[in-house]
Structure formats: structure tokens, C-alpha cells
Amino acid sequence: MKNIAVIIFVVLILVVLALAFASFQVRETESALLMTFQKPVAEITEPGWYFKWPPPIQQVYKFDSRLRVLEAEVGETTTKGDVPIIVNTYVVWRIADPLQFHNALETVQRAERTLLSQIDDTQGGVIGQYSFGQFVNSDSDKIKFQEIQTKMLADLKDPIRTKYGIEVKALGIKQLKVSKDVTKDVFDRMKAERQRRTETTIRQGQTEAAIIKKDAELKSAELLAAAEARAKAIRGRGDAEAAKYYKMLEEDPEFAMFLRNIEAVKATLAEKATIVIKADMEPFKLLRQLPQLTPKDPNDPNEPK
């Protein structure tokens, strides 16, 4: 019985060793490269258990395919116009092509050194295309931070993927600093800019006020002219009416006064009204009785010519 137990134990050990040498496991967070006599035969990105020939016939290289964050060192670069700024950039990356990565870099440490160098070149090239006012500005519409980050990512992404098998998922500027001298210049420029805006706003307000005042004066002149014209027309009609009555008054004063009283009564009673007056008041005594009027004889020598 002891011999059988020993044999079983030895067989189990041999099976375990055989599985260890002739198979391998790929986890969810891994990708693998299977090499036969150092020549690639398969890239494995799906998790599972796989079989292989034992070394030295076949070898397996495993790579962590999870996302990594790499933060570049704080460095100084210059914007368009040679204004120095200090930026701190980071990238989020992963191994996307195990074969390309293995042939070009082999290790994560070499990959990070290569990425830092590429980030530095991209950072200097892209930031140099933008002025300082597009990084720091009191007007938020003039700040191009997002555009700069997007352009840096596009500049870095394709070459890294093609040459090294690395996929850069995101890039961002973590910090932006300026020196004391630059800070003073920035505040002076911001102060001057705000002063310029204030003066521009005041000038615009004065211009608009002058336009409104001129428009009001023109309208006032138009209204006064229209009122004056209407007043002249009314005066003209009044003078014409007065001239008519004057003529009638000269020809027949009593008849003219009678007509005037009739007009006054018509004007008073044009609308419904209740009036309490003495019956003998002018011109309402006409309501009681008409006066005895006789036409003038034009041949009467006593009548005025």
C-alpha cells in the first residue's frame, strides 16, 4: 500500500510539472505572446488556459494590459512669443500590441522612459504654437486649454501606437505655473486689458447716449414743427371763420349775433346734457322765443356801405 501511495504521489508531481511546462494561463488583465524558437506564433488577448511545448521549444511572454498613468516631470517650456511657462503633463496608456511592444521595448520601464521623451517633444512642439494669452487670460473664451491637450494627444497617439505598440488613451496638463516675473507681467497686462475694456465701454456708452440725445432732439423738432403747422392751420381756419363773422357783423350786427348764439347752443347741446340756467341768459333765451329780425334794405341810405 505504501508503494502504491508513493507511485500515485510521484505521478501527481509529474502531471503538475508537465502542466506547468506544457500549459499556461492568461488572466483577465493580461495579454500574452507565444514564441517558438524566439519567433512569434500567436498573440493571446483572451483570458483562459492554453497549451504549449515546453522550453526551449516555446516560451510565453506575458504583459499587463491594464491602463497605467504616467506623470511627466515638471518642466519649463516656452509659448509662442518666447514666454516661459512650467507645465506638468500626464498620460494614460496601456500595452495594445504585445508583439510590437516586445520587439521595441520589452519592459515597462523602458516604455515609460520612451513615453517621457515623447511627451517632452510633443509638449514643446504643440505649446510653442500657442500664445501665453491662450493659457492664462481673464477672458475664458480666449483660453485654449482643451484644444491644446487634444492636439498634444493627437500628435503623440499615432506614432507611439505604430512604433511601440502602446495605446495612449488620454493626455492632460495637470499643472500650469509661471515665474514671478512672468506673473507680474501677466497681471500688468490683465490690468491694462481691463482698463482698455472700461474705456471702450465708456466710449460706447457716450456714443450711444449722443445718438439717443440727437434722435430725441430730431423727434422733438419734428413734433414741434408738426404742432406749429397744426396751430397755424387752426389759426388760419379761425381767422377765416372770424373774417366771415366780421363781414356779417359789419353788414348786419344783429343777425350776426343771432347766428353766433345759434352756433353756441348747437355746440352745447351736441351731446346729452342737463343744464340749469336762467331763461333770459344769452344765448339760451333763443329756446323760448326767436328774436324779431328784419333784413336790412340795401337801398337804405342810413345803412353803412
C-alpha atoms as a PDB file:
ATOM      1  CA  MET A   1       0.000   0.000   0.000  1.00  0.00           C
ATOM      2  CA  LYS A   2       2.836   2.365   0.818  1.00  0.00           C
ATOM      3  CA  ASN A   3       4.399   1.702  -2.594  1.00  0.00           C
ATOM      4  CA  ILE A   4       1.122   2.479  -4.374  1.00  0.00           C
ATOM      5  CA  ALA A   5       0.767   5.769  -2.470  1.00  0.00           C
ATOM      6  CA  VAL A   6       4.318   6.759  -3.363  1.00  0.00           C
ATOM      7  CA  ILE A   7       3.678   5.925  -7.023  1.00  0.00           C
ATOM      8  CA  ILE A   8       0.480   7.997  -7.060  1.00  0.00           C
ATOM      9  CA  PHE A   9       2.235  10.900  -5.398  1.00  0.00           C
ATOM     10  CA  VAL A  10       5.084  10.751  -7.931  1.00  0.00           C
ATOM     11  CA  VAL A  11       2.596  10.579 -10.814  1.00  0.00           C
ATOM     12  CA  LEU A  12       0.757  13.634  -9.491  1.00  0.00           C
ATOM     13  CA  ILE A  13       4.009  15.542  -9.218  1.00  0.00           C
ATOM     14  CA  LEU A  14       4.902  14.600 -12.783  1.00  0.00           C
ATOM     15  CA  VAL A  15       1.469  15.664 -14.020  1.00  0.00           C
ATOM     16  CA  VAL A  16       1.757  19.004 -12.251  1.00  0.00           C
ATOM     17  CA  LEU A  17       5.229  19.550 -13.653  1.00  0.00           C
ATOM     18  CA  ALA A  18       4.023  18.571 -17.139  1.00  0.00           C
ATOM     19  CA  LEU A  19       1.131  21.027 -16.903  1.00  0.00           C
ATOM     20  CA  ALA A  20       3.473  23.719 -15.638  1.00  0.00           C
ATOM     21  CA  PHE A  21       5.839  23.217 -18.546  1.00  0.00           C
ATOM     22  CA  ALA A  22       3.245  22.426 -21.251  1.00  0.00           C
ATOM     23  CA  SER A  23       0.457  24.939 -20.440  1.00  0.00           C
ATOM     24  CA  PHE A  24      -0.077  28.485 -19.234  1.00  0.00           C
ATOM     25  CA  GLN A  25      -2.886  30.726 -18.025  1.00  0.00           C
ATOM     26  CA  VAL A  26      -3.823  34.178 -19.290  1.00  0.00           C
ATOM     27  CA  ARG A  27      -5.760  36.308 -16.815  1.00  0.00           C
ATOM     28  CA  GLU A  28      -8.362  38.987 -17.478  1.00  0.00           C
ATOM     29  CA  THR A  29      -5.797  41.738 -17.007  1.00  0.00           C
ATOM     30  CA  GLU A  30      -3.122  40.163 -19.202  1.00  0.00           C
ATOM     31  CA  SER A  31      -2.153  39.564 -22.806  1.00  0.00           C
ATOM     32  CA  ALA A  32       0.444  37.001 -23.895  1.00  0.00           C
ATOM     33  CA  LEU A  33       2.890  36.420 -26.703  1.00  0.00           C
ATOM     34  CA  LEU A  34       3.694  32.812 -27.632  1.00  0.00           C
ATOM     35  CA  MET A  35       7.151  32.333 -29.231  1.00  0.00           C
ATOM     36  CA  THR A  36       8.514  29.206 -30.939  1.00  0.00           C
ATOM     37  CA  PHE A  37      12.314  29.262 -31.038  1.00  0.00           C
ATOM     38  CA  GLN A  38      12.043  33.034 -30.409  1.00  0.00           C
ATOM     39  CA  LYS A  39       9.725  33.535 -33.335  1.00  0.00           C
ATOM     40  CA  PRO A  40       6.210  34.819 -32.625  1.00  0.00           C
ATOM     41  CA  VAL A  41       3.442  32.368 -33.407  1.00  0.00           C
ATOM     42  CA  ALA A  42       0.434  33.796 -31.524  1.00  0.00           C
ATOM     43  CA  GLU A  43      -0.784  36.899 -29.696  1.00  0.00           C
ATOM     44  CA  ILE A  44      -3.275  35.964 -26.992  1.00  0.00           C
ATOM     45  CA  THR A  45      -5.572  38.642 -25.617  1.00  0.00           C
ATOM     46  CA  GLU A  46      -8.474  36.477 -24.412  1.00  0.00           C
ATOM     47  CA  PRO A  47      -8.294  35.067 -20.848  1.00  0.00           C
ATOM     48  CA  GLY A  48      -8.106  31.267 -20.456  1.00  0.00           C
ATOM     49  CA  TRP A  49      -5.901  28.173 -20.164  1.00  0.00           C
ATOM     50  CA  TYR A  50      -3.633  27.344 -23.117  1.00  0.00           C
ATOM     51  CA  PHE A  51      -1.188  24.562 -24.009  1.00  0.00           C
ATOM     52  CA  LYS A  52       2.315  24.918 -25.396  1.00  0.00           C
ATOM     53  CA  TRP A  53       5.502  22.988 -25.990  1.00  0.00           C
ATOM     54  CA  PRO A  54       7.886  23.048 -23.055  1.00  0.00           C
ATOM     55  CA  PRO A  55      11.004  25.255 -23.149  1.00  0.00           C
ATOM     56  CA  PRO A  56      13.201  25.763 -25.016  1.00  0.00           C
ATOM     57  CA  ILE A  57      10.825  24.942 -27.863  1.00  0.00           C
ATOM     58  CA  GLN A  58       8.185  27.513 -26.914  1.00  0.00           C
ATOM     59  CA  GLN A  59       8.220  30.386 -24.469  1.00  0.00           C
ATOM     60  CA  VAL A  60       5.434  32.675 -23.232  1.00  0.00           C
ATOM     61  CA  TYR A  61       5.808  36.409 -22.528  1.00  0.00           C
ATOM     62  CA  LYS A  62       3.017  37.963 -20.517  1.00  0.00           C
ATOM     63  CA  PHE A  63       2.137  41.648 -20.381  1.00  0.00           C
ATOM     64  CA  ASP A  64      -0.142  43.580 -18.051  1.00  0.00           C
ATOM     65  CA  SER A  65      -2.821  45.081 -20.320  1.00  0.00           C
ATOM     66  CA  ARG A  66      -4.399  47.319 -17.680  1.00  0.00           C
ATOM     67  CA  LEU A  67      -4.352  51.094 -18.016  1.00  0.00           C
ATOM     68  CA  ARG A  68      -1.392  52.877 -16.452  1.00  0.00           C
ATOM     69  CA  VAL A  69      -0.907  56.505 -15.511  1.00  0.00           C
ATOM     70  CA  LEU A  70       2.435  58.112 -16.223  1.00  0.00           C
ATOM     71  CA  GLU A  71       3.143  61.618 -14.945  1.00  0.00           C
ATOM     72  CA  ALA A  72       5.937  63.561 -16.586  1.00  0.00           C
ATOM     73  CA  GLU A  73       8.324  65.626 -14.539  1.00  0.00           C
ATOM     74  CA  VAL A  74       7.576  69.309 -14.109  1.00  0.00           C
ATOM     75  CA  GLY A  75       9.404  71.114 -16.877  1.00  0.00           C
ATOM     76  CA  GLU A  76       9.693  74.560 -18.388  1.00  0.00           C
ATOM     77  CA  THR A  77       8.762  75.270 -21.977  1.00  0.00           C
ATOM     78  CA  THR A  78       8.089  78.401 -23.984  1.00  0.00           C
ATOM     79  CA  THR A  79       4.918  79.587 -25.639  1.00  0.00           C
ATOM     80  CA  LYS A  80       4.606  81.443 -28.910  1.00  0.00           C
ATOM     81  CA  GLY A  81       6.356  84.722 -28.257  1.00  0.00           C
ATOM     82  CA  ASP A  82       9.016  83.107 -26.027  1.00  0.00           C
ATOM     83  CA  VAL A  83       7.089  83.452 -22.762  1.00  0.00           C
ATOM     84  CA  PRO A  84       8.277  80.672 -20.395  1.00  0.00           C
ATOM     85  CA  ILE A  85       5.712  78.534 -18.564  1.00  0.00           C
ATOM     86  CA  ILE A  86       6.043  75.476 -16.321  1.00  0.00           C
ATOM     87  CA  VAL A  87       3.762  72.535 -17.094  1.00  0.00           C
ATOM     88  CA  ASN A  88       3.173  69.100 -15.605  1.00  0.00           C
ATOM     89  CA  THR A  89       1.688  66.623 -18.135  1.00  0.00           C
ATOM     90  CA  TYR A  90       0.311  63.120 -17.592  1.00  0.00           C
ATOM     91  CA  VAL A  91      -0.783  60.306 -19.932  1.00  0.00           C
ATOM     92  CA  VAL A  92      -2.993  57.233 -19.504  1.00  0.00           C
ATOM     93  CA  TRP A  93      -1.635  54.296 -21.532  1.00  0.00           C
ATOM     94  CA  ARG A  94      -1.665  50.528 -21.970  1.00  0.00           C
ATOM     95  CA  ILE A  95       0.064  47.806 -23.968  1.00  0.00           C
ATOM     96  CA  ALA A  96      -2.115  47.287 -27.030  1.00  0.00           C
ATOM     97  CA  ASP A  97       0.169  45.210 -29.298  1.00  0.00           C
ATOM     98  CA  PRO A  98       2.219  42.612 -27.353  1.00  0.00           C
ATOM     99  CA  LEU A  99       4.453  41.683 -30.318  1.00  0.00           C
ATOM    100  CA  GLN A 100       5.292  45.257 -31.274  1.00  0.00           C
ATOM    101  CA  PHE A 101       5.854  46.159 -27.634  1.00  0.00           C
ATOM    102  CA  HIS A 102       8.115  43.140 -27.080  1.00  0.00           C
ATOM    103  CA  ASN A 103      10.207  43.824 -30.178  1.00  0.00           C
ATOM    104  CA  ALA A 104      10.593  47.551 -29.493  1.00  0.00           C
ATOM    105  CA  LEU A 105      10.752  47.891 -25.716  1.00  0.00           C
ATOM    106  CA  GLU A 106      10.380  44.521 -23.904  1.00  0.00           C
ATOM    107  CA  THR A 107       9.843  46.077 -20.445  1.00  0.00           C
ATOM    108  CA  VAL A 108       7.520  48.604 -18.847  1.00  0.00           C
ATOM    109  CA  GLN A 109      10.461  50.604 -17.501  1.00  0.00           C
ATOM    110  CA  ARG A 110      11.852  51.177 -20.999  1.00  0.00           C
ATOM    111  CA  ALA A 111       8.339  52.014 -22.212  1.00  0.00           C
ATOM    112  CA  GLU A 112       7.948  54.715 -19.555  1.00  0.00           C
ATOM    113  CA  ARG A 113      11.324  56.261 -20.388  1.00  0.00           C
ATOM    114  CA  THR A 114      10.358  56.337 -24.066  1.00  0.00           C
ATOM    115  CA  LEU A 115       6.973  57.866 -23.288  1.00  0.00           C
ATOM    116  CA  LEU A 116       8.543  60.606 -21.168  1.00  0.00           C
ATOM    117  CA  SER A 117      10.860  61.534 -24.008  1.00  0.00           C
ATOM    118  CA  GLN A 118       7.989  61.600 -26.499  1.00  0.00           C
ATOM    119  CA  ILE A 119       5.811  63.670 -24.148  1.00  0.00           C
ATOM    120  CA  ASP A 120       8.594  66.233 -23.762  1.00  0.00           C
ATOM    121  CA  ASP A 121       8.960  66.589 -27.545  1.00  0.00           C
ATOM    122  CA  THR A 122       5.207  66.821 -28.117  1.00  0.00           C
ATOM    123  CA  GLN A 123       4.796  69.278 -25.277  1.00  0.00           C
ATOM    124  CA  GLY A 124       7.424  71.641 -26.635  1.00  0.00           C
ATOM    125  CA  GLY A 125       6.161  71.405 -30.209  1.00  0.00           C
ATOM    126  CA  VAL A 126       2.470  71.986 -29.513  1.00  0.00           C
ATOM    127  CA  ILE A 127       2.752  74.572 -26.724  1.00  0.00           C
ATOM    128  CA  GLY A 128       5.119  76.600 -28.902  1.00  0.00           C
ATOM    129  CA  GLN A 129       2.249  77.111 -31.367  1.00  0.00           C
ATOM    130  CA  TYR A 130       0.063  78.955 -28.822  1.00  0.00           C
ATOM    131  CA  SER A 131       0.499  82.351 -27.199  1.00  0.00           C
ATOM    132  CA  PHE A 132       0.629  82.860 -23.451  1.00  0.00           C
ATOM    133  CA  GLY A 133      -2.770  84.564 -23.536  1.00  0.00           C
ATOM    134  CA  GLN A 134      -4.314  81.267 -24.663  1.00  0.00           C
ATOM    135  CA  PHE A 135      -3.155  79.642 -21.417  1.00  0.00           C
ATOM    136  CA  VAL A 136      -3.813  82.479 -18.962  1.00  0.00           C
ATOM    137  CA  ASN A 137      -6.458  85.087 -19.730  1.00  0.00           C
ATOM    138  CA  SER A 138      -9.200  86.986 -17.925  1.00  0.00           C
ATOM    139  CA  ASP A 139     -11.463  86.185 -20.881  1.00  0.00           C
ATOM    140  CA  SER A 140     -12.362  82.488 -20.622  1.00  0.00           C
ATOM    141  CA  ASP A 141     -13.328  82.373 -24.320  1.00  0.00           C
ATOM    142  CA  LYS A 142      -9.707  83.019 -25.306  1.00  0.00           C
ATOM    143  CA  ILE A 143      -8.276  80.139 -23.244  1.00  0.00           C
ATOM    144  CA  LYS A 144      -7.451  77.137 -25.487  1.00  0.00           C
ATOM    145  CA  PHE A 145      -6.547  74.593 -22.807  1.00  0.00           C
ATOM    146  CA  GLN A 146      -8.780  71.817 -24.103  1.00  0.00           C
ATOM    147  CA  GLU A 147      -7.681  72.400 -27.692  1.00  0.00           C
ATOM    148  CA  ILE A 148      -4.015  72.241 -26.686  1.00  0.00           C
ATOM    149  CA  GLN A 149      -4.489  68.959 -24.807  1.00  0.00           C
ATOM    150  CA  THR A 150      -6.401  67.433 -27.732  1.00  0.00           C
ATOM    151  CA  LYS A 151      -3.690  68.461 -30.174  1.00  0.00           C
ATOM    152  CA  MET A 152      -0.945  67.047 -27.938  1.00  0.00           C
ATOM    153  CA  LEU A 153      -2.805  63.737 -27.683  1.00  0.00           C
ATOM    154  CA  ALA A 154      -3.257  63.534 -31.461  1.00  0.00           C
ATOM    155  CA  ASP A 155       0.420  64.364 -32.002  1.00  0.00           C
ATOM    156  CA  LEU A 156       1.546  61.654 -29.565  1.00  0.00           C
ATOM    157  CA  LYS A 157      -1.017  58.889 -30.113  1.00  0.00           C
ATOM    158  CA  ASP A 158      -0.389  57.532 -33.623  1.00  0.00           C
ATOM    159  CA  PRO A 159       3.445  57.429 -33.606  1.00  0.00           C
ATOM    160  CA  ILE A 160       3.515  55.692 -30.216  1.00  0.00           C
ATOM    161  CA  ARG A 161       0.972  53.128 -31.361  1.00  0.00           C
ATOM    162  CA  THR A 162       2.777  52.407 -34.619  1.00  0.00           C
ATOM    163  CA  LYS A 163       6.341  52.260 -33.277  1.00  0.00           C
ATOM    164  CA  TYR A 164       5.913  50.737 -29.833  1.00  0.00           C
ATOM    165  CA  GLY A 165       2.521  49.014 -29.690  1.00  0.00           C
ATOM    166  CA  ILE A 166       1.378  51.402 -26.917  1.00  0.00           C
ATOM    167  CA  GLU A 167      -2.097  52.923 -26.904  1.00  0.00           C
ATOM    168  CA  VAL A 168      -2.334  56.349 -25.288  1.00  0.00           C
ATOM    169  CA  LYS A 169      -5.914  56.721 -24.069  1.00  0.00           C
ATOM    170  CA  ALA A 170      -5.757  60.213 -22.565  1.00  0.00           C
ATOM    171  CA  LEU A 171      -3.447  63.172 -22.041  1.00  0.00           C
ATOM    172  CA  GLY A 172      -3.834  66.159 -19.784  1.00  0.00           C
ATOM    173  CA  ILE A 173      -1.958  69.088 -18.274  1.00  0.00           C
ATOM    174  CA  LYS A 174      -2.061  68.596 -14.522  1.00  0.00           C
ATOM    175  CA  GLN A 175      -0.372  71.843 -13.519  1.00  0.00           C
ATOM    176  CA  LEU A 176       0.477  75.155 -15.125  1.00  0.00           C
ATOM    177  CA  LYS A 177       2.818  77.568 -13.411  1.00  0.00           C
ATOM    178  CA  VAL A 178       4.565  80.806 -14.295  1.00  0.00           C
ATOM    179  CA  SER A 179       7.579  82.516 -12.769  1.00  0.00           C
ATOM    180  CA  LYS A 180       7.281  85.606 -10.583  1.00  0.00           C
ATOM    181  CA  ASP A 181       8.466  87.940 -13.333  1.00  0.00           C
ATOM    182  CA  VAL A 182       6.012  86.466 -15.795  1.00  0.00           C
ATOM    183  CA  THR A 183       3.253  86.640 -13.178  1.00  0.00           C
ATOM    184  CA  LYS A 184       3.887  90.366 -12.698  1.00  0.00           C
ATOM    185  CA  ASP A 185       3.813  90.932 -16.448  1.00  0.00           C
ATOM    186  CA  VAL A 186       0.599  88.906 -16.708  1.00  0.00           C
ATOM    187  CA  PHE A 187      -1.145  90.952 -14.031  1.00  0.00           C
ATOM    188  CA  ASP A 188       0.060  94.183 -15.622  1.00  0.00           C
ATOM    189  CA  ARG A 189      -1.317  93.067 -18.978  1.00  0.00           C
ATOM    190  CA  MET A 190      -4.587  91.939 -17.398  1.00  0.00           C
ATOM    191  CA  LYS A 191      -4.889  95.306 -15.634  1.00  0.00           C
ATOM    192  CA  ALA A 192      -4.203  97.151 -18.881  1.00  0.00           C
ATOM    193  CA  GLU A 193      -6.707  94.962 -20.701  1.00  0.00           C
ATOM    194  CA  ARG A 194      -9.412  95.643 -18.121  1.00  0.00           C
ATOM    195  CA  GLN A 195      -8.649  99.370 -18.285  1.00  0.00           C
ATOM    196  CA  ARG A 196      -8.901  99.250 -22.070  1.00  0.00           C
ATOM    197  CA  ARG A 197     -12.259  97.456 -21.844  1.00  0.00           C
ATOM    198  CA  THR A 198     -13.517 100.024 -19.328  1.00  0.00           C
ATOM    199  CA  GLU A 199     -12.532 102.908 -21.579  1.00  0.00           C
ATOM    200  CA  THR A 200     -14.084 101.191 -24.587  1.00  0.00           C
ATOM    201  CA  THR A 201     -17.332 100.618 -22.681  1.00  0.00           C
ATOM    202  CA  ILE A 202     -17.423 104.263 -21.562  1.00  0.00           C
ATOM    203  CA  ARG A 203     -16.816 105.467 -25.123  1.00  0.00           C
ATOM    204  CA  GLN A 204     -19.542 103.176 -26.440  1.00  0.00           C
ATOM    205  CA  GLY A 205     -21.927 104.440 -23.760  1.00  0.00           C
ATOM    206  CA  GLN A 206     -21.135 108.065 -24.606  1.00  0.00           C
ATOM    207  CA  THR A 207     -21.632 107.385 -28.318  1.00  0.00           C
ATOM    208  CA  GLU A 208     -24.964 105.671 -27.723  1.00  0.00           C
ATOM    209  CA  ALA A 209     -26.051 108.494 -25.385  1.00  0.00           C
ATOM    210  CA  ALA A 210     -25.181 111.074 -28.039  1.00  0.00           C
ATOM    211  CA  ILE A 211     -27.142 109.098 -30.656  1.00  0.00           C
ATOM    212  CA  ILE A 212     -30.161 108.829 -28.330  1.00  0.00           C
ATOM    213  CA  LYS A 213     -29.965 112.552 -27.497  1.00  0.00           C
ATOM    214  CA  LYS A 214     -29.702 113.519 -31.160  1.00  0.00           C
ATOM    215  CA  ASP A 215     -32.595 111.239 -32.043  1.00  0.00           C
ATOM    216  CA  ALA A 216     -34.693 112.741 -29.246  1.00  0.00           C
ATOM    217  CA  GLU A 217     -33.850 116.263 -30.437  1.00  0.00           C
ATOM    218  CA  LEU A 218     -34.818 115.383 -34.007  1.00  0.00           C
ATOM    219  CA  LYS A 219     -38.104 113.863 -32.872  1.00  0.00           C
ATOM    220  CA  SER A 220     -38.754 116.862 -30.626  1.00  0.00           C
ATOM    221  CA  ALA A 221     -38.113 119.226 -33.546  1.00  0.00           C
ATOM    222  CA  GLU A 222     -40.415 117.155 -35.764  1.00  0.00           C
ATOM    223  CA  LEU A 223     -43.174 117.185 -33.136  1.00  0.00           C
ATOM    224  CA  LEU A 224     -42.785 120.930 -32.566  1.00  0.00           C
ATOM    225  CA  ALA A 225     -42.854 121.564 -36.309  1.00  0.00           C
ATOM    226  CA  ALA A 226     -45.965 119.402 -36.684  1.00  0.00           C
ATOM    227  CA  ALA A 227     -47.630 121.154 -33.727  1.00  0.00           C
ATOM    228  CA  GLU A 228     -46.710 124.566 -35.123  1.00  0.00           C
ATOM    229  CA  ALA A 229     -48.086 123.629 -38.546  1.00  0.00           C
ATOM    230  CA  ARG A 230     -51.302 122.383 -36.975  1.00  0.00           C
ATOM    231  CA  ALA A 231     -51.575 125.512 -34.859  1.00  0.00           C
ATOM    232  CA  LYS A 232     -51.110 127.669 -37.956  1.00  0.00           C
ATOM    233  CA  ALA A 233     -53.781 125.680 -39.756  1.00  0.00           C
ATOM    234  CA  ILE A 234     -56.169 126.069 -36.816  1.00  0.00           C
ATOM    235  CA  ARG A 235     -55.384 129.783 -36.588  1.00  0.00           C
ATOM    236  CA  GLY A 236     -55.947 130.043 -40.320  1.00  0.00           C
ATOM    237  CA  ARG A 237     -59.334 128.358 -40.063  1.00  0.00           C
ATOM    238  CA  GLY A 238     -60.176 130.521 -37.056  1.00  0.00           C
ATOM    239  CA  ASP A 239     -59.152 133.663 -38.904  1.00  0.00           C
ATOM    240  CA  ALA A 240     -61.236 132.574 -41.879  1.00  0.00           C
ATOM    241  CA  GLU A 241     -64.233 131.922 -39.638  1.00  0.00           C
ATOM    242  CA  ALA A 242     -63.651 135.196 -37.830  1.00  0.00           C
ATOM    243  CA  ALA A 243     -63.378 137.069 -41.107  1.00  0.00           C
ATOM    244  CA  LYS A 244     -66.720 135.587 -42.165  1.00  0.00           C
ATOM    245  CA  TYR A 245     -68.367 136.712 -38.947  1.00  0.00           C
ATOM    246  CA  TYR A 246     -66.662 140.083 -39.144  1.00  0.00           C
ATOM    247  CA  LYS A 247     -68.105 140.609 -42.585  1.00  0.00           C
ATOM    248  CA  MET A 248     -71.524 139.518 -41.417  1.00  0.00           C
ATOM    249  CA  LEU A 249     -71.169 141.710 -38.332  1.00  0.00           C
ATOM    250  CA  GLU A 250     -70.401 144.710 -40.479  1.00  0.00           C
ATOM    251  CA  GLU A 251     -73.328 144.032 -42.798  1.00  0.00           C
ATOM    252  CA  ASP A 252     -75.904 143.045 -40.130  1.00  0.00           C
ATOM    253  CA  PRO A 253     -74.684 143.072 -36.495  1.00  0.00           C
ATOM    254  CA  GLU A 254     -77.936 141.822 -35.017  1.00  0.00           C
ATOM    255  CA  PHE A 255     -78.177 138.874 -37.453  1.00  0.00           C
ATOM    256  CA  ALA A 256     -74.529 138.007 -36.900  1.00  0.00           C
ATOM    257  CA  MET A 257     -75.018 137.849 -33.134  1.00  0.00           C
ATOM    258  CA  PHE A 258     -78.072 135.655 -33.698  1.00  0.00           C
ATOM    259  CA  LEU A 259     -76.029 133.186 -35.785  1.00  0.00           C
ATOM    260  CA  ARG A 260     -73.288 133.160 -33.186  1.00  0.00           C
ATOM    261  CA  ASN A 261     -75.812 132.324 -30.464  1.00  0.00           C
ATOM    262  CA  ILE A 262     -77.259 129.501 -32.576  1.00  0.00           C
ATOM    263  CA  GLU A 263     -73.780 128.020 -33.025  1.00  0.00           C
ATOM    264  CA  ALA A 264     -73.158 128.240 -29.271  1.00  0.00           C
ATOM    265  CA  VAL A 265     -76.449 126.455 -28.487  1.00  0.00           C
ATOM    266  CA  LYS A 266     -75.665 123.705 -31.051  1.00  0.00           C
ATOM    267  CA  ALA A 267     -72.213 123.191 -29.563  1.00  0.00           C
ATOM    268  CA  THR A 268     -73.613 122.989 -26.021  1.00  0.00           C
ATOM    269  CA  LEU A 269     -76.418 120.569 -26.883  1.00  0.00           C
ATOM    270  CA  ALA A 270     -74.317 118.363 -29.223  1.00  0.00           C
ATOM    271  CA  GLU A 271     -74.286 115.627 -26.558  1.00  0.00           C
ATOM    272  CA  LYS A 272     -76.787 114.659 -23.893  1.00  0.00           C
ATOM    273  CA  ALA A 273     -76.567 117.188 -21.102  1.00  0.00           C
ATOM    274  CA  THR A 274     -78.619 118.713 -18.287  1.00  0.00           C
ATOM    275  CA  ILE A 275     -78.178 122.443 -17.933  1.00  0.00           C
ATOM    276  CA  VAL A 276     -79.798 124.703 -15.325  1.00  0.00           C
ATOM    277  CA  ILE A 277     -79.667 128.339 -16.396  1.00  0.00           C
ATOM    278  CA  LYS A 278     -81.806 131.425 -16.365  1.00  0.00           C
ATOM    279  CA  ALA A 279     -84.195 131.574 -19.287  1.00  0.00           C
ATOM    280  CA  ASP A 280     -83.131 135.072 -20.263  1.00  0.00           C
ATOM    281  CA  MET A 281     -79.406 134.304 -20.496  1.00  0.00           C
ATOM    282  CA  GLU A 282     -77.633 134.545 -23.766  1.00  0.00           C
ATOM    283  CA  PRO A 283     -77.746 132.553 -25.961  1.00  0.00           C
ATOM    284  CA  PHE A 284     -80.271 130.178 -24.364  1.00  0.00           C
ATOM    285  CA  LYS A 285     -83.157 132.667 -24.430  1.00  0.00           C
ATOM    286  CA  LEU A 286     -83.434 131.595 -28.073  1.00  0.00           C
ATOM    287  CA  LEU A 287     -85.048 128.416 -26.781  1.00  0.00           C
ATOM    288  CA  ARG A 288     -88.027 130.425 -25.507  1.00  0.00           C
ATOM    289  CA  GLN A 289     -88.621 132.741 -28.428  1.00  0.00           C
ATOM    290  CA  LEU A 290     -86.913 133.830 -31.598  1.00  0.00           C
ATOM    291  CA  PRO A 291     -85.972 137.478 -31.946  1.00  0.00           C
ATOM    292  CA  GLN A 292     -87.744 139.708 -34.430  1.00  0.00           C
ATOM    293  CA  LEU A 293     -85.262 140.087 -37.234  1.00  0.00           C
ATOM    294  CA  THR A 294     -85.860 142.121 -40.368  1.00  0.00           C
ATOM    295  CA  PRO A 295     -83.491 142.018 -43.253  1.00  0.00           C
ATOM    296  CA  LYS A 296     -81.619 145.190 -43.993  1.00  0.00           C
ATOM    297  CA  ASP A 297     -82.602 147.196 -47.017  1.00  0.00           C
ATOM    298  CA  PRO A 298     -79.556 147.634 -49.169  1.00  0.00           C
ATOM    299  CA  ASN A 299     -81.104 150.792 -50.641  1.00  0.00           C
ATOM    300  CA  ASP A 300     -81.495 152.386 -47.206  1.00  0.00           C
ATOM    301  CA  PRO A 301     -79.234 155.446 -47.226  1.00  0.00           C
ATOM    302  CA  ASN A 302     -78.742 155.101 -43.455  1.00  0.00           C
ATOM    303  CA  GLU A 303     -77.171 151.675 -43.790  1.00  0.00           C
ATOM    304  CA  PRO A 304     -73.379 151.541 -43.983  1.00  0.00           C
ATOM    305  CA  LYS A 305     -71.933 150.735 -47.349  1.00  0.00           C
END
